[in-house]
Amino acid sequence: ADAVYGSRFLGPHRVFLFWHYAANRFLTLLTNVLFDTNLTAMETGAKAFRTDVLRRITLRQDRFGFEPEITAKLARAGARIWEISVSYAGRTYAEGKKITWVDALEVPWVLVRARFLDPP
């Protein structure tokens, strides 16, 4: 594999907040449609990459925009992305969760730009 993603949807997990779960599934579906991938979780902080693959990719995003951009650019580069099950206990905002609905609105734009506007 060129990249390995930890998917919380492949293994046991604590109950998610409904709208976070729905948004994650929708954004992963959008990624799969735009890049002909078959991921279960694009928005995962558990990612590992081969260094030589990363050096071929130019990244522009920071914060949560990194997640869709790196996935999009890996897919466009023909990278082999493998998913493994990770255990996951979702956090509430009181426990330190940082992402909000505003961050989720950025993701479709990042995906479309990476698919159609950014150089390969």
N, C-alpha and C. Protein backbone atom coordinates (compact mmCIF):
# COMPACT_ATOMS: atom_id res chain seq x y z
N ALA A 1 0.84 -1.19 0.00
CA ALA A 1 0.00 0.00 0.00
C ALA A 1 0.88 1.24 0.00
N ASP A 2 0.37 2.30 -0.61
CA ASP A 2 1.05 3.59 -0.58
C ASP A 2 0.57 4.43 0.61
N ALA A 3 -0.63 4.13 1.06
CA ALA A 3 -1.20 4.82 2.23
C ALA A 3 -2.10 3.84 2.97
N VAL A 4 -2.15 3.97 4.27
CA VAL A 4 -3.03 3.13 5.08
C VAL A 4 -3.90 4.06 5.92
N TYR A 5 -5.21 3.84 5.84
CA TYR A 5 -6.17 4.64 6.60
C TYR A 5 -6.79 3.76 7.67
N GLY A 6 -6.93 4.29 8.85
CA GLY A 6 -7.64 3.60 9.91
C GLY A 6 -9.12 3.94 9.81
N SER A 7 -9.96 2.94 9.63
CA SER A 7 -11.39 3.18 9.49
C SER A 7 -12.14 2.77 10.75
N ARG A 8 -12.83 3.71 11.34
CA ARG A 8 -13.65 3.42 12.52
C ARG A 8 -14.92 2.70 12.15
N PHE A 9 -15.26 2.67 10.86
CA PHE A 9 -16.49 2.00 10.42
C PHE A 9 -16.27 0.51 10.15
N LEU A 10 -15.05 0.04 10.20
CA LEU A 10 -14.76 -1.37 9.99
C LEU A 10 -14.72 -2.16 11.29
N GLY A 11 -14.64 -1.48 12.41
CA GLY A 11 -14.52 -2.17 13.69
C GLY A 11 -15.51 -1.64 14.72
N PRO A 12 -15.35 -2.05 15.96
CA PRO A 12 -16.27 -1.58 17.01
C PRO A 12 -16.07 -0.10 17.28
N HIS A 13 -17.15 0.56 17.62
CA HIS A 13 -17.07 1.99 17.92
C HIS A 13 -18.20 2.41 18.85
N ARG A 14 -17.95 3.49 19.53
CA ARG A 14 -18.96 4.09 20.40
C ARG A 14 -19.95 4.84 19.50
N VAL A 15 -21.13 5.06 19.98
CA VAL A 15 -22.14 5.77 19.21
C VAL A 15 -21.63 7.16 18.85
N PHE A 16 -21.81 7.53 17.58
CA PHE A 16 -21.41 8.85 17.09
C PHE A 16 -22.56 9.83 17.27
N LEU A 17 -22.24 11.11 17.19
CA LEU A 17 -23.28 12.11 17.06
C LEU A 17 -23.88 11.94 15.66
N PHE A 18 -25.19 11.89 15.55
CA PHE A 18 -25.84 11.57 14.28
C PHE A 18 -25.35 12.43 13.13
N TRP A 19 -25.32 13.74 13.28
CA TRP A 19 -24.96 14.62 12.17
C TRP A 19 -23.50 14.47 11.78
N HIS A 20 -22.64 14.14 12.70
CA HIS A 20 -21.24 13.88 12.37
C HIS A 20 -21.12 12.59 11.57
N TYR A 21 -21.86 11.59 11.99
CA TYR A 21 -21.87 10.31 11.27
C TYR A 21 -22.40 10.52 9.85
N ALA A 22 -23.53 11.21 9.73
CA ALA A 22 -24.14 11.43 8.41
C ALA A 22 -23.21 12.24 7.50
N ALA A 23 -22.60 13.27 8.05
CA ALA A 23 -21.69 14.10 7.24
C ALA A 23 -20.48 13.29 6.80
N ASN A 24 -19.93 12.49 7.70
CA ASN A 24 -18.77 11.68 7.36
C ASN A 24 -19.11 10.71 6.24
N ARG A 25 -20.25 10.06 6.34
CA ARG A 25 -20.64 9.10 5.31
C ARG A 25 -20.88 9.79 3.97
N PHE A 26 -21.53 10.97 3.99
CA PHE A 26 -21.79 11.71 2.76
C PHE A 26 -20.47 12.16 2.11
N LEU A 27 -19.55 12.70 2.90
CA LEU A 27 -18.29 13.19 2.34
C LEU A 27 -17.43 12.04 1.83
N THR A 28 -17.49 10.89 2.48
CA THR A 28 -16.79 9.72 1.97
C THR A 28 -17.42 9.24 0.67
N LEU A 29 -18.76 9.24 0.59
CA LEU A 29 -19.44 8.87 -0.65
C LEU A 29 -19.05 9.83 -1.78
N LEU A 30 -19.03 11.12 -1.52
CA LEU A 30 -18.63 12.10 -2.53
C LEU A 30 -17.20 11.83 -3.00
N THR A 31 -16.32 11.52 -2.09
CA THR A 31 -14.95 11.16 -2.45
C THR A 31 -14.93 9.94 -3.36
N ASN A 32 -15.68 8.91 -2.99
CA ASN A 32 -15.72 7.69 -3.79
C ASN A 32 -16.26 7.95 -5.20
N VAL A 33 -17.27 8.80 -5.31
CA VAL A 33 -17.84 9.13 -6.62
C VAL A 33 -16.85 9.92 -7.48
N LEU A 34 -16.24 10.94 -6.90
CA LEU A 34 -15.34 11.80 -7.67
C LEU A 34 -14.03 11.13 -8.06
N PHE A 35 -13.56 10.20 -7.23
CA PHE A 35 -12.23 9.63 -7.46
C PHE A 35 -12.24 8.13 -7.70
N ASP A 36 -13.43 7.55 -7.86
CA ASP A 36 -13.57 6.12 -8.14
C ASP A 36 -12.81 5.28 -7.11
N THR A 37 -12.99 5.63 -5.85
CA THR A 37 -12.40 4.87 -4.75
C THR A 37 -13.50 4.09 -4.05
N ASN A 38 -13.13 3.29 -3.09
CA ASN A 38 -14.09 2.49 -2.35
C ASN A 38 -13.76 2.55 -0.86
N LEU A 39 -13.66 3.77 -0.34
CA LEU A 39 -13.28 3.97 1.06
C LEU A 39 -14.51 3.88 1.96
N THR A 40 -14.27 3.52 3.21
CA THR A 40 -15.34 3.56 4.21
C THR A 40 -15.24 4.79 5.08
N ALA A 41 -14.05 5.42 5.14
CA ALA A 41 -13.86 6.60 5.98
C ALA A 41 -12.74 7.46 5.41
N MET A 42 -13.13 8.52 4.71
CA MET A 42 -12.13 9.46 4.19
C MET A 42 -11.67 10.39 5.30
N GLU A 43 -12.58 10.81 6.15
CA GLU A 43 -12.28 11.73 7.25
C GLU A 43 -11.79 10.95 8.46
N THR A 44 -10.53 10.57 8.44
CA THR A 44 -9.94 9.85 9.56
C THR A 44 -8.58 10.45 9.86
N GLY A 45 -8.31 10.66 11.11
CA GLY A 45 -7.01 11.19 11.50
C GLY A 45 -5.93 10.13 11.55
N ALA A 46 -6.32 8.87 11.39
CA ALA A 46 -5.36 7.76 11.44
C ALA A 46 -4.93 7.42 10.02
N LYS A 47 -3.86 8.06 9.58
CA LYS A 47 -3.35 7.85 8.22
C LYS A 47 -1.84 7.67 8.29
N ALA A 48 -1.33 6.79 7.44
CA ALA A 48 0.12 6.61 7.30
C ALA A 48 0.42 6.57 5.81
N PHE A 49 1.56 7.13 5.42
CA PHE A 49 1.90 7.27 4.00
C PHE A 49 3.33 6.84 3.74
N ARG A 50 3.56 6.38 2.52
CA ARG A 50 4.92 6.16 2.06
C ARG A 50 5.51 7.54 1.76
N THR A 51 6.71 7.79 2.20
CA THR A 51 7.34 9.10 2.02
C THR A 51 7.50 9.45 0.55
N ASP A 52 7.89 8.50 -0.29
CA ASP A 52 8.10 8.82 -1.70
C ASP A 52 6.80 9.25 -2.39
N VAL A 53 5.68 8.73 -1.95
CA VAL A 53 4.39 9.13 -2.52
C VAL A 53 4.05 10.55 -2.08
N LEU A 54 4.25 10.85 -0.82
CA LEU A 54 3.96 12.20 -0.31
C LEU A 54 4.81 13.27 -0.97
N ARG A 55 6.03 12.95 -1.28
CA ARG A 55 6.91 13.94 -1.90
C ARG A 55 6.45 14.34 -3.30
N ARG A 56 5.64 13.52 -3.94
CA ARG A 56 5.12 13.83 -5.28
C ARG A 56 3.86 14.67 -5.25
N ILE A 57 3.33 14.95 -4.06
CA ILE A 57 2.04 15.62 -3.92
C ILE A 57 2.25 17.02 -3.32
N THR A 58 1.61 18.01 -3.93
CA THR A 58 1.63 19.37 -3.40
C THR A 58 0.34 19.61 -2.63
N LEU A 59 0.47 19.98 -1.37
CA LEU A 59 -0.70 20.22 -0.52
C LEU A 59 -0.86 21.71 -0.25
N ARG A 60 -2.12 22.17 -0.23
CA ARG A 60 -2.43 23.57 0.01
C ARG A 60 -3.21 23.77 1.31
N GLN A 61 -3.93 22.77 1.73
CA GLN A 61 -4.85 22.90 2.85
C GLN A 61 -4.16 22.75 4.20
N ASP A 62 -4.80 23.33 5.20
CA ASP A 62 -4.42 23.06 6.58
C ASP A 62 -5.73 22.79 7.32
N ARG A 63 -5.67 22.62 8.59
CA ARG A 63 -6.84 22.28 9.39
C ARG A 63 -7.53 21.03 8.82
N PHE A 64 -8.86 21.02 8.81
CA PHE A 64 -9.59 19.83 8.39
C PHE A 64 -9.64 19.66 6.87
N GLY A 65 -9.26 20.69 6.13
CA GLY A 65 -9.20 20.57 4.67
C GLY A 65 -8.11 19.62 4.21
N PHE A 66 -7.17 19.30 5.11
CA PHE A 66 -6.12 18.35 4.78
C PHE A 66 -6.68 16.98 4.44
N GLU A 67 -7.69 16.55 5.17
CA GLU A 67 -8.24 15.20 5.00
C GLU A 67 -8.72 14.95 3.57
N PRO A 68 -9.63 15.77 3.03
CA PRO A 68 -10.06 15.51 1.66
C PRO A 68 -8.96 15.77 0.64
N GLU A 69 -8.12 16.77 0.87
CA GLU A 69 -7.10 17.07 -0.13
C GLU A 69 -6.10 15.93 -0.28
N ILE A 70 -5.60 15.40 0.83
CA ILE A 70 -4.61 14.33 0.73
C ILE A 70 -5.22 13.09 0.09
N THR A 71 -6.46 12.79 0.44
CA THR A 71 -7.13 11.62 -0.15
C THR A 71 -7.33 11.82 -1.64
N ALA A 72 -7.79 13.00 -2.04
CA ALA A 72 -8.02 13.30 -3.45
C ALA A 72 -6.72 13.21 -4.25
N LYS A 73 -5.68 13.78 -3.72
CA LYS A 73 -4.42 13.79 -4.46
C LYS A 73 -3.76 12.42 -4.51
N LEU A 74 -3.93 11.64 -3.46
CA LEU A 74 -3.44 10.26 -3.50
C LEU A 74 -4.19 9.47 -4.57
N ALA A 75 -5.52 9.64 -4.60
CA ALA A 75 -6.33 8.91 -5.58
C ALA A 75 -5.95 9.33 -7.01
N ARG A 76 -5.79 10.61 -7.24
CA ARG A 76 -5.41 11.09 -8.57
C ARG A 76 -4.03 10.59 -8.98
N ALA A 77 -3.16 10.38 -8.02
CA ALA A 77 -1.81 9.89 -8.30
C ALA A 77 -1.78 8.38 -8.50
N GLY A 78 -2.93 7.73 -8.34
CA GLY A 78 -2.99 6.28 -8.50
C GLY A 78 -2.44 5.51 -7.30
N ALA A 79 -2.37 6.17 -6.17
CA ALA A 79 -1.85 5.51 -4.96
C ALA A 79 -2.80 4.41 -4.50
N ARG A 80 -2.21 3.37 -3.96
CA ARG A 80 -2.99 2.27 -3.40
C ARG A 80 -3.27 2.60 -1.94
N ILE A 81 -4.56 2.84 -1.64
CA ILE A 81 -4.97 3.17 -0.27
C ILE A 81 -5.60 1.94 0.35
N TRP A 82 -5.08 1.52 1.48
CA TRP A 82 -5.57 0.36 2.20
C TRP A 82 -6.22 0.83 3.48
N GLU A 83 -7.32 0.20 3.88
CA GLU A 83 -7.98 0.56 5.14
C GLU A 83 -7.87 -0.60 6.11
N ILE A 84 -7.66 -0.24 7.38
CA ILE A 84 -7.65 -1.22 8.45
C ILE A 84 -8.61 -0.75 9.53
N SER A 85 -9.11 -1.67 10.29
CA SER A 85 -10.02 -1.35 11.38
C SER A 85 -9.25 -0.72 12.54
N VAL A 86 -9.81 0.35 13.08
CA VAL A 86 -9.26 0.94 14.29
C VAL A 86 -10.38 1.07 15.30
N SER A 87 -10.05 0.93 16.58
CA SER A 87 -11.07 1.15 17.59
C SER A 87 -11.24 2.66 17.75
N TYR A 88 -12.45 3.05 18.05
CA TYR A 88 -12.75 4.47 18.08
C TYR A 88 -13.79 4.75 19.15
N ALA A 89 -13.54 5.73 19.95
CA ALA A 89 -14.52 6.20 20.92
C ALA A 89 -14.75 7.68 20.62
N GLY A 90 -15.86 7.99 19.99
CA GLY A 90 -16.17 9.35 19.59
C GLY A 90 -16.20 10.29 20.79
N ARG A 91 -15.77 11.52 20.56
CA ARG A 91 -15.76 12.52 21.62
C ARG A 91 -16.91 13.50 21.42
N THR A 92 -17.34 14.09 22.50
CA THR A 92 -18.29 15.19 22.44
C THR A 92 -17.49 16.49 22.40
N TYR A 93 -18.17 17.60 22.16
CA TYR A 93 -17.48 18.90 22.19
C TYR A 93 -16.93 19.19 23.58
N ALA A 94 -17.65 18.77 24.61
CA ALA A 94 -17.17 18.96 25.98
C ALA A 94 -15.88 18.17 26.23
N GLU A 95 -15.71 17.05 25.51
CA GLU A 95 -14.52 16.22 25.66
C GLU A 95 -13.38 16.66 24.74
N GLY A 96 -13.61 17.68 23.91
CA GLY A 96 -12.52 18.21 23.10
C GLY A 96 -12.69 18.09 21.60
N LYS A 97 -13.85 17.66 21.11
CA LYS A 97 -14.07 17.58 19.67
C LYS A 97 -13.96 18.98 19.08
N LYS A 98 -13.27 19.12 17.96
CA LYS A 98 -13.00 20.45 17.40
C LYS A 98 -13.77 20.75 16.12
N ILE A 99 -14.07 19.76 15.30
CA ILE A 99 -14.67 19.99 13.99
C ILE A 99 -16.11 20.48 14.14
N THR A 100 -16.51 21.39 13.24
CA THR A 100 -17.87 21.93 13.27
C THR A 100 -18.48 21.82 11.87
N TRP A 101 -19.73 22.22 11.76
CA TRP A 101 -20.42 22.16 10.46
C TRP A 101 -19.75 23.08 9.44
N VAL A 102 -19.11 24.14 9.89
CA VAL A 102 -18.40 25.04 8.96
C VAL A 102 -17.26 24.29 8.27
N ASP A 103 -16.55 23.46 9.01
CA ASP A 103 -15.47 22.66 8.43
C ASP A 103 -16.02 21.70 7.39
N ALA A 104 -17.17 21.11 7.66
CA ALA A 104 -17.78 20.16 6.72
C ALA A 104 -18.18 20.84 5.41
N LEU A 105 -18.52 22.11 5.45
CA LEU A 105 -18.89 22.83 4.23
C LEU A 105 -17.69 23.04 3.30
N GLU A 106 -16.50 23.07 3.86
CA GLU A 106 -15.29 23.27 3.06
C GLU A 106 -14.93 22.02 2.25
N VAL A 107 -15.25 20.86 2.75
CA VAL A 107 -14.80 19.61 2.15
C VAL A 107 -15.25 19.42 0.71
N PRO A 108 -16.53 19.61 0.36
CA PRO A 108 -16.91 19.42 -1.05
C PRO A 108 -16.12 20.32 -1.99
N TRP A 109 -15.88 21.56 -1.60
CA TRP A 109 -15.09 22.46 -2.44
C TRP A 109 -13.66 21.94 -2.61
N VAL A 110 -13.05 21.49 -1.54
CA VAL A 110 -11.68 20.96 -1.62
C VAL A 110 -11.65 19.75 -2.55
N LEU A 111 -12.63 18.87 -2.45
CA LEU A 111 -12.69 17.68 -3.31
C LEU A 111 -12.86 18.06 -4.78
N VAL A 112 -13.78 18.96 -5.07
CA VAL A 112 -14.03 19.36 -6.46
C VAL A 112 -12.80 20.07 -7.03
N ARG A 113 -12.19 20.95 -6.24
CA ARG A 113 -11.00 21.64 -6.73
C ARG A 113 -9.86 20.65 -7.00
N ALA A 114 -9.67 19.70 -6.09
CA ALA A 114 -8.60 18.71 -6.28
C ALA A 114 -8.88 17.80 -7.47
N ARG A 115 -10.15 17.56 -7.76
CA ARG A 115 -10.50 16.68 -8.88
C ARG A 115 -10.41 17.38 -10.23
N PHE A 116 -10.89 18.62 -10.31
CA PHE A 116 -11.04 19.27 -11.60
C PHE A 116 -10.12 20.47 -11.86
N LEU A 117 -9.62 21.11 -10.81
CA LEU A 117 -8.87 22.35 -11.02
C LEU A 117 -7.38 22.25 -10.72
N ASP A 118 -7.00 21.48 -9.72
CA ASP A 118 -5.59 21.36 -9.37
C ASP A 118 -4.86 20.50 -10.39
N PRO A 119 -3.59 20.79 -10.65
CA PRO A 119 -2.83 19.94 -11.56
C PRO A 119 -2.65 18.55 -10.94
N PRO A 120 -2.52 17.54 -11.78
CA PRO A 120 -2.34 16.17 -11.25
C PRO A 120 -1.07 16.00 -10.45
